[in-house]
Amino acid sequence: MRVVIAGGHGKIALILERLLSQRGDAVAGFIRNRDHAADLRAAGAEALVVDLENASVDEVATHLRGADAVVFAAGAGPGSGAARKETVDRDAAILLADAAEAAKVGRYVMVSSIGADAEAPDDVGDPVFVAYLRAKGAADDNVRARTALDSTIVRPGHLTNDPGTGQVTIADHTGHGNIPREDVAAVLLTVLDAPVTVGQTFDVISGDTPIKDAVASRGH
C-alpha cells in the first residue's frame, strides 16, 4: 500500500510513517520546510515539499497519483490564530480531498478532533479554539459528503506525548478524555486496513479495548 500524509512532519504523522514503513508499505509526507526532510527519511518516508496553503489542486494531485490512501494530519498548530485554522485545518483538508478525487485516490482518512463542529457555539472556549472546532467541523462535513471518497473521520481527544498503551475507547461520542499520540497513530494504521470504517466518524480516547478490537467493533 502507498499512503501519502499531509502534515508529514507532525508528531502523529511521523509515528504513522514509521509504522507504515516498518511493515513494508510505501509512505510519503507533505512538508513545507525542506529542513524537515531528514526527519521523514529517518521514519522511512519520502519527503515531498508541498505548501497546502498555496498549492493548486493539480500540483497536489500530481503527488497523489498511484497512492492507495491519503491521510490528513496537518494542522495550524498551537500559537496560530483563527485565520490559519481556516486556511490549514479547513481549506487544506478540502484541497487534499479535491486532489485525491482528481488523482483517483479513493481512501481518505481525516485526523479531526473531539468536538469538531462547523457550528460550534461561542461558549465552548476562547475564540481561536472555537475557530479551530468550526474549521475542523467544516472540513469533516465537506469530506464526508463526497461520494467519490471512502472517508473515515477520526476524532481524538486531548493529545499527549505519553507512551501508547495500545488500548482505546472508540464510540460515536466518547466524552472528553486524553489519548497518547502513539495510540492515535496506531488507530490510523488500523483504520487504513479496515474497510468497515469507511463512511464513519468516531471519537477515540484512551480506554481498555485493544485497538484492533475497538476498530473492528465499528462493523457490528
N, C-alpha and C. Protein backbone atom coordinates (compact mmCIF):
# COMPACT_ATOMS: atom_id res chain seq x y z
N MET A 1 0.85 -1.20 0.00
CA MET A 1 0.00 0.00 0.00
C MET A 1 0.89 1.25 0.00
N ARG A 2 0.48 2.25 -0.77
CA ARG A 2 1.17 3.54 -0.74
C ARG A 2 0.24 4.56 -0.11
N VAL A 3 0.76 5.26 0.90
CA VAL A 3 -0.02 6.23 1.66
C VAL A 3 0.70 7.57 1.61
N VAL A 4 -0.04 8.63 1.34
CA VAL A 4 0.51 9.98 1.38
C VAL A 4 -0.14 10.74 2.53
N ILE A 5 0.70 11.35 3.36
CA ILE A 5 0.23 12.01 4.58
C ILE A 5 0.45 13.52 4.47
N ALA A 6 -0.61 14.28 4.59
CA ALA A 6 -0.50 15.74 4.66
C ALA A 6 -0.17 16.12 6.10
N GLY A 7 0.79 17.03 6.24
CA GLY A 7 1.26 17.34 7.58
C GLY A 7 2.29 16.31 8.01
N GLY A 8 3.18 15.98 7.08
CA GLY A 8 4.07 14.84 7.26
C GLY A 8 5.08 14.96 8.38
N HIS A 9 5.31 16.18 8.88
CA HIS A 9 6.27 16.35 9.97
C HIS A 9 5.60 16.48 11.33
N GLY A 10 4.29 16.35 11.36
CA GLY A 10 3.60 16.38 12.64
C GLY A 10 3.96 15.17 13.49
N LYS A 11 3.71 15.27 14.79
CA LYS A 11 4.11 14.19 15.70
C LYS A 11 3.37 12.89 15.41
N ILE A 12 2.06 12.98 15.16
CA ILE A 12 1.31 11.77 14.84
C ILE A 12 1.76 11.22 13.49
N ALA A 13 1.97 12.12 12.53
CA ALA A 13 2.36 11.69 11.19
C ALA A 13 3.69 10.95 11.21
N LEU A 14 4.66 11.45 11.94
CA LEU A 14 5.97 10.80 11.98
C LEU A 14 5.87 9.39 12.57
N ILE A 15 5.02 9.23 13.57
CA ILE A 15 4.83 7.89 14.15
C ILE A 15 4.16 6.98 13.13
N LEU A 16 3.12 7.49 12.46
CA LEU A 16 2.41 6.68 11.47
C LEU A 16 3.34 6.31 10.31
N GLU A 17 4.17 7.25 9.89
CA GLU A 17 5.12 6.96 8.81
C GLU A 17 6.04 5.80 9.20
N ARG A 18 6.50 5.84 10.43
CA ARG A 18 7.38 4.76 10.88
C ARG A 18 6.64 3.42 10.92
N LEU A 19 5.41 3.43 11.41
CA LEU A 19 4.62 2.20 11.47
C LEU A 19 4.38 1.63 10.08
N LEU A 20 4.04 2.49 9.14
CA LEU A 20 3.79 2.03 7.78
C LEU A 20 5.05 1.48 7.14
N SER A 21 6.14 2.22 7.26
CA SER A 21 7.38 1.79 6.60
C SER A 21 7.92 0.51 7.23
N GLN A 22 7.75 0.36 8.54
CA GLN A 22 8.26 -0.83 9.22
C GLN A 22 7.58 -2.10 8.73
N ARG A 23 6.35 -1.97 8.30
CA ARG A 23 5.66 -3.18 7.84
C ARG A 23 5.73 -3.35 6.32
N GLY A 24 6.49 -2.46 5.67
CA GLY A 24 6.75 -2.65 4.25
C GLY A 24 5.90 -1.82 3.31
N ASP A 25 5.05 -0.92 3.85
CA ASP A 25 4.27 -0.05 2.99
C ASP A 25 5.13 1.12 2.51
N ALA A 26 4.76 1.69 1.38
CA ALA A 26 5.39 2.91 0.89
C ALA A 26 4.64 4.11 1.45
N VAL A 27 5.37 5.07 1.98
CA VAL A 27 4.72 6.22 2.59
C VAL A 27 5.47 7.49 2.23
N ALA A 28 4.72 8.54 1.96
CA ALA A 28 5.29 9.85 1.68
C ALA A 28 4.56 10.88 2.51
N GLY A 29 5.26 11.95 2.85
CA GLY A 29 4.65 13.00 3.65
C GLY A 29 4.88 14.37 3.04
N PHE A 30 3.85 15.21 3.07
CA PHE A 30 3.98 16.59 2.62
C PHE A 30 4.61 17.42 3.74
N ILE A 31 5.62 18.20 3.39
CA ILE A 31 6.23 19.14 4.33
C ILE A 31 6.35 20.49 3.65
N ARG A 32 6.34 21.55 4.45
CA ARG A 32 6.57 22.89 3.90
C ARG A 32 8.04 23.28 4.01
N ASN A 33 8.70 22.79 5.06
CA ASN A 33 10.08 23.17 5.35
C ASN A 33 11.03 22.05 4.92
N ARG A 34 11.87 22.35 3.95
CA ARG A 34 12.81 21.35 3.45
C ARG A 34 13.71 20.79 4.56
N ASP A 35 13.94 21.59 5.59
CA ASP A 35 14.81 21.14 6.68
C ASP A 35 14.23 19.95 7.44
N HIS A 36 12.94 19.69 7.27
CA HIS A 36 12.30 18.58 7.96
C HIS A 36 12.43 17.25 7.21
N ALA A 37 13.00 17.31 6.00
CA ALA A 37 13.04 16.11 5.17
C ALA A 37 13.80 14.97 5.83
N ALA A 38 14.87 15.29 6.53
CA ALA A 38 15.69 14.24 7.16
C ALA A 38 14.88 13.48 8.22
N ASP A 39 14.00 14.19 8.93
CA ASP A 39 13.18 13.51 9.94
C ASP A 39 12.23 12.51 9.29
N LEU A 40 11.67 12.87 8.13
CA LEU A 40 10.79 11.92 7.43
C LEU A 40 11.58 10.73 6.92
N ARG A 41 12.74 10.99 6.36
CA ARG A 41 13.56 9.88 5.86
C ARG A 41 13.93 8.93 7.00
N ALA A 42 14.20 9.49 8.17
CA ALA A 42 14.54 8.65 9.33
C ALA A 42 13.37 7.77 9.74
N ALA A 43 12.16 8.24 9.46
CA ALA A 43 10.95 7.46 9.77
C ALA A 43 10.59 6.49 8.65
N GLY A 44 11.37 6.54 7.57
CA GLY A 44 11.12 5.64 6.45
C GLY A 44 10.21 6.18 5.39
N ALA A 45 9.99 7.51 5.41
CA ALA A 45 9.05 8.13 4.48
C ALA A 45 9.77 8.99 3.46
N GLU A 46 9.15 9.11 2.30
CA GLU A 46 9.61 10.05 1.27
C GLU A 46 9.09 11.43 1.64
N ALA A 47 9.95 12.43 1.54
CA ALA A 47 9.55 13.80 1.85
C ALA A 47 9.19 14.55 0.57
N LEU A 48 7.99 15.11 0.54
CA LEU A 48 7.51 15.88 -0.61
C LEU A 48 7.28 17.32 -0.15
N VAL A 49 7.94 18.27 -0.75
CA VAL A 49 7.79 19.67 -0.35
C VAL A 49 6.55 20.25 -1.03
N VAL A 50 5.50 20.41 -0.25
CA VAL A 50 4.22 20.91 -0.76
C VAL A 50 3.63 21.83 0.31
N ASP A 51 3.32 23.06 -0.05
CA ASP A 51 2.69 24.00 0.86
C ASP A 51 1.19 24.01 0.56
N LEU A 52 0.42 23.34 1.40
CA LEU A 52 -1.01 23.18 1.13
C LEU A 52 -1.78 24.50 1.22
N GLU A 53 -1.18 25.52 1.82
CA GLU A 53 -1.86 26.82 1.88
C GLU A 53 -1.73 27.58 0.57
N ASN A 54 -0.82 27.15 -0.29
CA ASN A 54 -0.59 27.89 -1.54
C ASN A 54 -0.60 27.01 -2.78
N ALA A 55 -0.66 25.71 -2.62
CA ALA A 55 -0.60 24.80 -3.76
C ALA A 55 -1.94 24.74 -4.50
N SER A 56 -1.87 24.35 -5.76
CA SER A 56 -3.09 24.14 -6.55
C SER A 56 -3.53 22.69 -6.43
N VAL A 57 -4.76 22.44 -6.82
CA VAL A 57 -5.28 21.07 -6.81
C VAL A 57 -4.43 20.19 -7.72
N ASP A 58 -4.09 20.69 -8.91
CA ASP A 58 -3.31 19.90 -9.86
C ASP A 58 -1.93 19.55 -9.30
N GLU A 59 -1.31 20.52 -8.62
CA GLU A 59 0.02 20.27 -8.05
C GLU A 59 -0.04 19.16 -7.01
N VAL A 60 -1.03 19.24 -6.14
CA VAL A 60 -1.15 18.22 -5.09
C VAL A 60 -1.51 16.87 -5.71
N ALA A 61 -2.41 16.89 -6.68
CA ALA A 61 -2.84 15.64 -7.32
C ALA A 61 -1.67 14.91 -7.97
N THR A 62 -0.73 15.67 -8.51
CA THR A 62 0.45 15.07 -9.14
C THR A 62 1.20 14.17 -8.15
N HIS A 63 1.27 14.62 -6.91
CA HIS A 63 1.97 13.84 -5.88
C HIS A 63 1.14 12.66 -5.36
N LEU A 64 -0.15 12.68 -5.62
CA LEU A 64 -1.03 11.63 -5.09
C LEU A 64 -1.24 10.48 -6.06
N ARG A 65 -0.92 10.67 -7.32
CA ARG A 65 -1.21 9.62 -8.31
C ARG A 65 -0.47 8.34 -7.96
N GLY A 66 -1.19 7.24 -7.99
CA GLY A 66 -0.62 5.96 -7.64
C GLY A 66 -0.74 5.60 -6.18
N ALA A 67 -1.21 6.53 -5.35
CA ALA A 67 -1.39 6.24 -3.93
C ALA A 67 -2.67 5.43 -3.71
N ASP A 68 -2.69 4.66 -2.64
CA ASP A 68 -3.88 3.90 -2.26
C ASP A 68 -4.73 4.65 -1.25
N ALA A 69 -4.11 5.58 -0.52
CA ALA A 69 -4.83 6.30 0.52
C ALA A 69 -4.11 7.60 0.83
N VAL A 70 -4.87 8.57 1.31
CA VAL A 70 -4.29 9.80 1.85
C VAL A 70 -4.76 9.95 3.29
N VAL A 71 -3.90 10.56 4.09
CA VAL A 71 -4.23 10.86 5.49
C VAL A 71 -4.02 12.35 5.70
N PHE A 72 -5.04 13.03 6.22
CA PHE A 72 -4.87 14.45 6.54
C PHE A 72 -4.51 14.56 8.01
N ALA A 73 -3.24 14.90 8.27
CA ALA A 73 -2.76 15.04 9.65
C ALA A 73 -2.11 16.40 9.86
N ALA A 74 -2.44 17.35 8.97
CA ALA A 74 -1.88 18.69 9.08
C ALA A 74 -2.69 19.52 10.07
N GLY A 75 -2.07 20.58 10.56
CA GLY A 75 -2.79 21.48 11.45
C GLY A 75 -2.00 22.77 11.59
N ALA A 76 -2.72 23.85 11.84
CA ALA A 76 -2.05 25.14 12.02
C ALA A 76 -1.19 25.13 13.27
N GLY A 77 -1.60 24.34 14.28
CA GLY A 77 -0.78 24.17 15.46
C GLY A 77 -1.01 25.24 16.51
N PRO A 78 -0.49 24.99 17.71
CA PRO A 78 -0.65 25.94 18.80
C PRO A 78 0.07 27.25 18.48
N GLY A 79 -0.51 28.33 18.93
CA GLY A 79 0.10 29.64 18.69
C GLY A 79 -0.38 30.30 17.42
N SER A 80 -1.07 29.57 16.56
CA SER A 80 -1.59 30.17 15.33
C SER A 80 -2.95 30.81 15.62
N GLY A 81 -3.28 31.79 14.81
CA GLY A 81 -4.54 32.50 15.01
C GLY A 81 -5.69 31.85 14.26
N ALA A 82 -6.86 32.47 14.41
CA ALA A 82 -8.08 31.93 13.82
C ALA A 82 -7.98 31.82 12.30
N ALA A 83 -7.31 32.76 11.67
CA ALA A 83 -7.23 32.76 10.20
C ALA A 83 -6.54 31.49 9.69
N ARG A 84 -5.48 31.05 10.37
CA ARG A 84 -4.76 29.86 9.90
C ARG A 84 -5.51 28.58 10.24
N LYS A 85 -6.40 28.63 11.22
CA LYS A 85 -7.26 27.46 11.45
C LYS A 85 -8.10 27.22 10.19
N GLU A 86 -8.52 28.32 9.56
CA GLU A 86 -9.34 28.20 8.36
C GLU A 86 -8.50 27.78 7.15
N THR A 87 -7.31 28.36 6.99
CA THR A 87 -6.52 28.06 5.79
C THR A 87 -5.85 26.69 5.86
N VAL A 88 -5.56 26.20 7.06
CA VAL A 88 -4.92 24.89 7.19
C VAL A 88 -5.94 23.82 7.59
N ASP A 89 -6.54 23.98 8.76
CA ASP A 89 -7.40 22.92 9.29
C ASP A 89 -8.65 22.70 8.43
N ARG A 90 -9.13 23.75 7.79
CA ARG A 90 -10.30 23.59 6.90
C ARG A 90 -9.89 23.52 5.44
N ASP A 91 -9.30 24.60 4.92
CA ASP A 91 -9.08 24.70 3.47
C ASP A 91 -8.09 23.67 2.95
N ALA A 92 -7.02 23.40 3.70
CA ALA A 92 -6.03 22.42 3.22
C ALA A 92 -6.61 21.02 3.19
N ALA A 93 -7.48 20.72 4.15
CA ALA A 93 -8.13 19.39 4.15
C ALA A 93 -9.04 19.24 2.94
N ILE A 94 -9.73 20.31 2.59
CA ILE A 94 -10.61 20.29 1.42
C ILE A 94 -9.80 20.21 0.14
N LEU A 95 -8.68 20.95 0.09
CA LEU A 95 -7.79 20.88 -1.07
C LEU A 95 -7.28 19.45 -1.26
N LEU A 96 -6.90 18.79 -0.18
CA LEU A 96 -6.42 17.41 -0.28
C LEU A 96 -7.52 16.50 -0.82
N ALA A 97 -8.75 16.74 -0.41
CA ALA A 97 -9.87 15.94 -0.92
C ALA A 97 -10.09 16.19 -2.41
N ASP A 98 -10.01 17.45 -2.82
CA ASP A 98 -10.13 17.77 -4.25
C ASP A 98 -9.04 17.06 -5.05
N ALA A 99 -7.82 17.10 -4.52
CA ALA A 99 -6.69 16.49 -5.22
C ALA A 99 -6.81 14.97 -5.24
N ALA A 100 -7.30 14.39 -4.15
CA ALA A 100 -7.48 12.94 -4.10
C ALA A 100 -8.48 12.50 -5.16
N GLU A 101 -9.57 13.25 -5.29
CA GLU A 101 -10.55 12.92 -6.33
C GLU A 101 -9.92 13.04 -7.71
N ALA A 102 -9.15 14.11 -7.93
CA ALA A 102 -8.54 14.33 -9.24
C ALA A 102 -7.54 13.22 -9.58
N ALA A 103 -6.86 12.70 -8.54
CA ALA A 103 -5.85 11.66 -8.75
C ALA A 103 -6.43 10.25 -8.65
N LYS A 104 -7.75 10.18 -8.47
CA LYS A 104 -8.44 8.88 -8.37
C LYS A 104 -7.94 8.05 -7.17
N VAL A 105 -7.68 8.76 -6.07
CA VAL A 105 -7.35 8.08 -4.81
C VAL A 105 -8.62 8.05 -3.97
N GLY A 106 -9.16 6.87 -3.74
CA GLY A 106 -10.47 6.79 -3.12
C GLY A 106 -10.49 6.88 -1.61
N ARG A 107 -9.40 6.46 -0.96
CA ARG A 107 -9.41 6.35 0.50
C ARG A 107 -8.85 7.61 1.14
N TYR A 108 -9.62 8.18 2.07
CA TYR A 108 -9.24 9.43 2.74
C TYR A 108 -9.50 9.27 4.23
N VAL A 109 -8.44 9.37 5.03
CA VAL A 109 -8.58 9.29 6.48
C VAL A 109 -8.23 10.66 7.06
N MET A 110 -9.15 11.19 7.84
CA MET A 110 -9.02 12.54 8.41
C MET A 110 -8.72 12.45 9.90
N VAL A 111 -7.67 13.16 10.32
CA VAL A 111 -7.44 13.34 11.75
C VAL A 111 -8.16 14.62 12.14
N SER A 112 -9.25 14.47 12.86
CA SER A 112 -10.07 15.60 13.26
C SER A 112 -9.88 15.87 14.76
N SER A 113 -10.92 16.21 15.46
CA SER A 113 -10.83 16.49 16.89
C SER A 113 -12.18 16.27 17.54
N ILE A 114 -12.16 15.72 18.74
CA ILE A 114 -13.41 15.67 19.51
C ILE A 114 -13.99 17.08 19.61
N GLY A 115 -15.28 17.20 19.39
CA GLY A 115 -15.95 18.49 19.46
C GLY A 115 -15.95 19.27 18.17
N ALA A 116 -15.31 18.73 17.12
CA ALA A 116 -15.32 19.43 15.83
C ALA A 116 -16.75 19.64 15.37
N ASP A 117 -17.09 20.86 15.02
CA ASP A 117 -18.47 21.20 14.67
C ASP A 117 -18.45 22.52 13.91
N ALA A 118 -18.93 22.50 12.68
CA ALA A 118 -18.93 23.71 11.86
C ALA A 118 -19.75 24.83 12.51
N GLU A 119 -20.64 24.46 13.42
CA GLU A 119 -21.46 25.47 14.09
C GLU A 119 -21.21 25.45 15.60
N ALA A 120 -19.95 25.20 15.98
CA ALA A 120 -19.61 25.19 17.40
C ALA A 120 -20.00 26.52 18.05
N PRO A 121 -20.66 26.48 19.20
CA PRO A 121 -21.08 27.73 19.85
C PRO A 121 -19.90 28.52 20.40
N ASP A 122 -20.14 29.81 20.60
CA ASP A 122 -19.06 30.70 21.05
C ASP A 122 -18.56 30.36 22.45
N ASP A 123 -19.38 29.67 23.24
CA ASP A 123 -19.05 29.50 24.66
C ASP A 123 -18.26 28.22 24.96
N VAL A 124 -17.79 27.52 23.93
CA VAL A 124 -17.06 26.27 24.20
C VAL A 124 -15.58 26.51 24.47
N GLY A 125 -15.11 27.74 24.30
CA GLY A 125 -13.71 28.02 24.56
C GLY A 125 -13.35 29.41 24.08
N ASP A 126 -12.06 29.69 24.07
CA ASP A 126 -11.63 31.00 23.59
C ASP A 126 -11.86 31.09 22.08
N PRO A 127 -11.86 32.31 21.54
CA PRO A 127 -12.23 32.49 20.13
C PRO A 127 -11.39 31.67 19.15
N VAL A 128 -10.11 31.51 19.41
CA VAL A 128 -9.27 30.75 18.49
C VAL A 128 -9.63 29.26 18.55
N PHE A 129 -9.92 28.75 19.74
CA PHE A 129 -10.32 27.35 19.87
C PHE A 129 -11.66 27.11 19.18
N VAL A 130 -12.57 28.06 19.32
CA VAL A 130 -13.86 27.94 18.63
C VAL A 130 -13.64 27.92 17.12
N ALA A 131 -12.76 28.80 16.64
CA ALA A 131 -12.45 28.82 15.20
C ALA A 131 -11.87 27.49 14.75
N TYR A 132 -11.05 26.88 15.61
CA TYR A 132 -10.46 25.57 15.30
C TYR A 132 -11.54 24.51 15.18
N LEU A 133 -12.44 24.44 16.15
CA LEU A 133 -13.51 23.43 16.12
C LEU A 133 -14.40 23.63 14.89
N ARG A 134 -14.68 24.88 14.57
CA ARG A 134 -15.51 25.15 13.39
C ARG A 134 -14.79 24.77 12.10
N ALA A 135 -13.50 25.08 12.01
CA ALA A 135 -12.73 24.73 10.82
C ALA A 135 -12.66 23.22 10.64
N LYS A 136 -12.37 22.50 11.72
CA LYS A 136 -12.31 21.04 11.64
C LYS A 136 -13.67 20.47 11.27
N GLY A 137 -14.72 21.00 11.87
CA GLY A 137 -16.06 20.51 11.58
C GLY A 137 -16.46 20.74 10.13
N ALA A 138 -16.13 21.91 9.61
CA ALA A 138 -16.46 22.21 8.21
C ALA A 138 -15.69 21.29 7.26
N ALA A 139 -14.42 21.02 7.58
CA ALA A 139 -13.63 20.11 6.75
C ALA A 139 -14.23 18.71 6.80
N ASP A 140 -14.58 18.26 7.99
CA ASP A 140 -15.18 16.92 8.14
C ASP A 140 -16.45 16.81 7.30
N ASP A 141 -17.29 17.83 7.38
CA ASP A 141 -18.56 17.81 6.64
C ASP A 141 -18.31 17.72 5.13
N ASN A 142 -17.33 18.51 4.67
CA ASN A 142 -17.02 18.54 3.24
C ASN A 142 -16.53 17.18 2.75
N VAL A 143 -15.60 16.60 3.48
CA VAL A 143 -15.03 15.32 3.06
C VAL A 143 -16.07 14.20 3.14
N ARG A 144 -16.83 14.21 4.21
CA ARG A 144 -17.83 13.15 4.43
C ARG A 144 -18.90 13.13 3.34
N ALA A 145 -19.17 14.29 2.77
CA ALA A 145 -20.24 14.41 1.76
C ALA A 145 -19.82 13.93 0.38
N ARG A 146 -18.56 13.63 0.18
CA ARG A 146 -18.06 13.28 -1.16
C ARG A 146 -18.28 11.79 -1.44
N THR A 147 -19.08 11.51 -2.43
CA THR A 147 -19.36 10.11 -2.76
C THR A 147 -18.18 9.44 -3.44
N ALA A 148 -17.26 10.23 -3.98
CA ALA A 148 -16.10 9.64 -4.66
C ALA A 148 -15.00 9.22 -3.69
N LEU A 149 -15.14 9.59 -2.42
CA LEU A 149 -14.12 9.25 -1.43
C LEU A 149 -14.67 8.26 -0.41
N ASP A 150 -13.86 7.26 -0.09
CA ASP A 150 -14.15 6.36 1.03
C ASP A 150 -13.47 6.94 2.25
N SER A 151 -14.22 7.76 2.98
CA SER A 151 -13.59 8.52 4.06
C SER A 151 -13.89 7.94 5.43
N THR A 152 -12.95 8.17 6.33
CA THR A 152 -13.14 7.89 7.76
C THR A 152 -12.64 9.11 8.51
N ILE A 153 -13.47 9.62 9.43
CA ILE A 153 -13.12 10.78 10.23
C ILE A 153 -12.80 10.29 11.64
N VAL A 154 -11.54 10.45 12.06
CA VAL A 154 -11.10 10.01 13.38
C VAL A 154 -10.93 11.25 14.26
N ARG A 155 -11.67 11.27 15.38
CA ARG A 155 -11.68 12.45 16.24
C ARG A 155 -11.06 12.14 17.61
N PRO A 156 -9.73 12.32 17.73
CA PRO A 156 -9.10 12.03 19.01
C PRO A 156 -9.39 13.08 20.07
N GLY A 157 -9.25 12.64 21.32
CA GLY A 157 -9.36 13.56 22.44
C GLY A 157 -8.09 14.37 22.61
N HIS A 158 -7.86 14.85 23.82
CA HIS A 158 -6.68 15.68 24.10
C HIS A 158 -5.42 14.85 23.93
N LEU A 159 -4.53 15.34 23.08
CA LEU A 159 -3.33 14.58 22.71
C LEU A 159 -2.23 14.74 23.75
N THR A 160 -1.57 13.62 24.07
CA THR A 160 -0.43 13.65 24.98
C THR A 160 0.76 12.96 24.33
N ASN A 161 1.93 13.18 24.91
CA ASN A 161 3.14 12.51 24.44
C ASN A 161 3.49 11.30 25.31
N ASP A 162 2.54 10.83 26.10
CA ASP A 162 2.77 9.64 26.91
C ASP A 162 2.97 8.43 26.00
N PRO A 163 3.65 7.40 26.47
CA PRO A 163 3.76 6.18 25.67
C PRO A 163 2.38 5.59 25.38
N GLY A 164 2.23 5.04 24.20
CA GLY A 164 0.95 4.42 23.86
C GLY A 164 0.70 3.18 24.70
N THR A 165 -0.57 2.92 24.95
CA THR A 165 -0.95 1.72 25.72
C THR A 165 -1.49 0.62 24.82
N GLY A 166 -1.87 0.99 23.58
CA GLY A 166 -2.48 0.01 22.69
C GLY A 166 -3.93 -0.27 22.99
N GLN A 167 -4.51 0.50 23.92
CA GLN A 167 -5.91 0.29 24.31
C GLN A 167 -6.65 1.62 24.27
N VAL A 168 -7.86 1.59 23.70
CA VAL A 168 -8.62 2.82 23.48
C VAL A 168 -10.11 2.57 23.72
N THR A 169 -10.84 3.67 23.73
CA THR A 169 -12.30 3.63 23.64
C THR A 169 -12.69 4.36 22.37
N ILE A 170 -13.46 3.69 21.52
CA ILE A 170 -13.96 4.28 20.28
C ILE A 170 -15.48 4.26 20.33
N ALA A 171 -16.09 5.39 20.03
CA ALA A 171 -17.55 5.48 20.01
C ALA A 171 -17.94 6.71 19.19
N ASP A 172 -19.21 6.78 18.83
CA ASP A 172 -19.68 7.97 18.12
C ASP A 172 -19.37 9.22 18.95
N HIS A 173 -19.59 9.12 20.26
CA HIS A 173 -19.28 10.21 21.19
C HIS A 173 -18.75 9.59 22.47
N THR A 174 -17.50 9.87 22.79
CA THR A 174 -16.89 9.27 23.98
C THR A 174 -16.93 10.20 25.19
N GLY A 175 -17.18 11.48 24.96
CA GLY A 175 -16.91 12.45 26.01
C GLY A 175 -15.43 12.77 25.98
N HIS A 176 -15.06 13.81 26.72
CA HIS A 176 -13.66 14.26 26.66
C HIS A 176 -12.75 13.30 27.40
N GLY A 177 -11.50 13.21 26.92
CA GLY A 177 -10.51 12.36 27.54
C GLY A 177 -9.19 12.54 26.82
N ASN A 178 -8.15 11.98 27.39
CA ASN A 178 -6.81 12.07 26.80
C ASN A 178 -6.51 10.84 25.95
N ILE A 179 -5.52 10.99 25.08
CA ILE A 179 -5.02 9.84 24.32
C ILE A 179 -3.59 10.14 23.85
N PRO A 180 -2.66 9.20 24.04
CA PRO A 180 -1.30 9.41 23.53
C PRO A 180 -1.28 9.46 22.00
N ARG A 181 -0.41 10.29 21.47
CA ARG A 181 -0.27 10.37 20.02
C ARG A 181 0.11 9.02 19.41
N GLU A 182 0.90 8.23 20.15
CA GLU A 182 1.27 6.90 19.64
C GLU A 182 0.03 6.04 19.40
N ASP A 183 -0.96 6.15 20.28
CA ASP A 183 -2.18 5.36 20.09
C ASP A 183 -3.02 5.89 18.95
N VAL A 184 -3.03 7.21 18.76
CA VAL A 184 -3.76 7.77 17.62
C VAL A 184 -3.16 7.24 16.32
N ALA A 185 -1.83 7.24 16.22
CA ALA A 185 -1.18 6.74 15.01
C ALA A 185 -1.51 5.27 14.78
N ALA A 186 -1.54 4.49 15.86
CA ALA A 186 -1.88 3.06 15.72
C ALA A 186 -3.33 2.88 15.29
N VAL A 187 -4.22 3.75 15.75
CA VAL A 187 -5.61 3.70 15.30
C VAL A 187 -5.68 4.01 13.81
N LEU A 188 -4.96 5.03 13.36
CA LEU A 188 -4.97 5.39 11.94
C LEU A 188 -4.47 4.23 11.08
N LEU A 189 -3.40 3.58 11.53
CA LEU A 189 -2.87 2.44 10.80
C LEU A 189 -3.93 1.35 10.67
N THR A 190 -4.62 1.08 11.76
CA THR A 190 -5.65 0.04 11.76
C THR A 190 -6.84 0.44 10.88
N VAL A 191 -7.21 1.70 10.93
CA VAL A 191 -8.32 2.21 10.10
C VAL A 191 -7.99 2.05 8.61
N LEU A 192 -6.75 2.30 8.25
CA LEU A 192 -6.36 2.16 6.84
C LEU A 192 -6.56 0.72 6.35
N ASP A 193 -6.48 -0.23 7.26
CA ASP A 193 -6.66 -1.65 6.92
C ASP A 193 -8.10 -2.12 7.10
N ALA A 194 -8.99 -1.23 7.52
CA ALA A 194 -10.34 -1.65 7.93
C ALA A 194 -11.41 -1.00 7.07
N PRO A 195 -11.80 -1.64 5.95
CA PRO A 195 -12.86 -1.09 5.11
C PRO A 195 -14.17 -0.85 5.86
N VAL A 196 -14.35 -1.57 6.97
CA VAL A 196 -15.58 -1.42 7.75
C VAL A 196 -15.75 0.01 8.28
N THR A 197 -14.63 0.76 8.36
CA THR A 197 -14.72 2.12 8.89
C THR A 197 -15.07 3.17 7.84
N VAL A 198 -15.16 2.76 6.58
CA VAL A 198 -15.49 3.72 5.52
C VAL A 198 -16.86 4.33 5.80
N GLY A 199 -16.94 5.65 5.66
CA GLY A 199 -18.19 6.34 5.89
C GLY A 199 -18.48 6.65 7.35
N GLN A 200 -17.53 6.35 8.23
CA GLN A 200 -17.76 6.53 9.65
C GLN A 200 -17.01 7.74 10.21
N THR A 201 -17.58 8.30 11.26
CA THR A 201 -16.95 9.35 12.06
C THR A 201 -17.02 8.89 13.50
N PHE A 202 -15.88 8.88 14.20
CA PHE A 202 -15.93 8.44 15.59
C PHE A 202 -14.87 9.14 16.43
N ASP A 203 -15.17 9.22 17.73
CA ASP A 203 -14.23 9.74 18.72
C ASP A 203 -13.33 8.61 19.19
N VAL A 204 -12.13 8.97 19.65
CA VAL A 204 -11.23 7.97 20.24
C VAL A 204 -10.45 8.62 21.38
N ILE A 205 -10.48 7.94 22.53
CA ILE A 205 -9.71 8.34 23.70
C ILE A 205 -9.09 7.09 24.30
N SER A 206 -8.25 7.25 25.28
CA SER A 206 -7.67 6.09 25.96
C SER A 206 -8.78 5.27 26.60
N GLY A 207 -8.58 3.96 26.64
CA GLY A 207 -9.59 3.08 27.20
C GLY A 207 -9.00 1.74 27.54
N ASP A 208 -9.84 0.70 27.48
CA ASP A 208 -9.37 -0.62 27.88
C ASP A 208 -9.62 -1.69 26.81
N THR A 209 -9.87 -1.26 25.56
CA THR A 209 -10.09 -2.20 24.46
C THR A 209 -8.90 -2.15 23.52
N PRO A 210 -8.30 -3.30 23.19
CA PRO A 210 -7.20 -3.29 22.22
C PRO A 210 -7.62 -2.59 20.92
N ILE A 211 -6.69 -1.86 20.34
CA ILE A 211 -7.02 -1.01 19.19
C ILE A 211 -7.67 -1.79 18.06
N LYS A 212 -7.13 -2.94 17.70
CA LYS A 212 -7.70 -3.69 16.58
C LYS A 212 -9.13 -4.13 16.89
N ASP A 213 -9.40 -4.51 18.13
CA ASP A 213 -10.75 -4.91 18.51
C ASP A 213 -11.69 -3.71 18.50
N ALA A 214 -11.20 -2.57 18.97
CA ALA A 214 -12.03 -1.37 19.02
C ALA A 214 -12.42 -0.92 17.63
N VAL A 215 -11.47 -0.97 16.69
CA VAL A 215 -11.77 -0.58 15.30
C VAL A 215 -12.70 -1.60 14.65
N ALA A 216 -12.42 -2.88 14.88
CA ALA A 216 -13.26 -3.94 14.28
C ALA A 216 -14.70 -3.85 14.77
N SER A 217 -14.89 -3.37 16.00
CA SER A 217 -16.24 -3.30 16.56
C SER A 217 -17.12 -2.29 15.82
N ARG A 218 -16.50 -1.42 15.03
CA ARG A 218 -17.30 -0.46 14.28
C ARG A 218 -18.12 -1.13 13.20
N GLY A 219 -17.82 -2.39 12.90
CA GLY A 219 -18.59 -3.10 11.89
C GLY A 219 -19.78 -3.84 12.45
N HIS A 220 -19.97 -3.77 13.76
CA HIS A 220 -21.05 -4.53 14.39
C HIS A 220 -22.29 -3.66 14.60
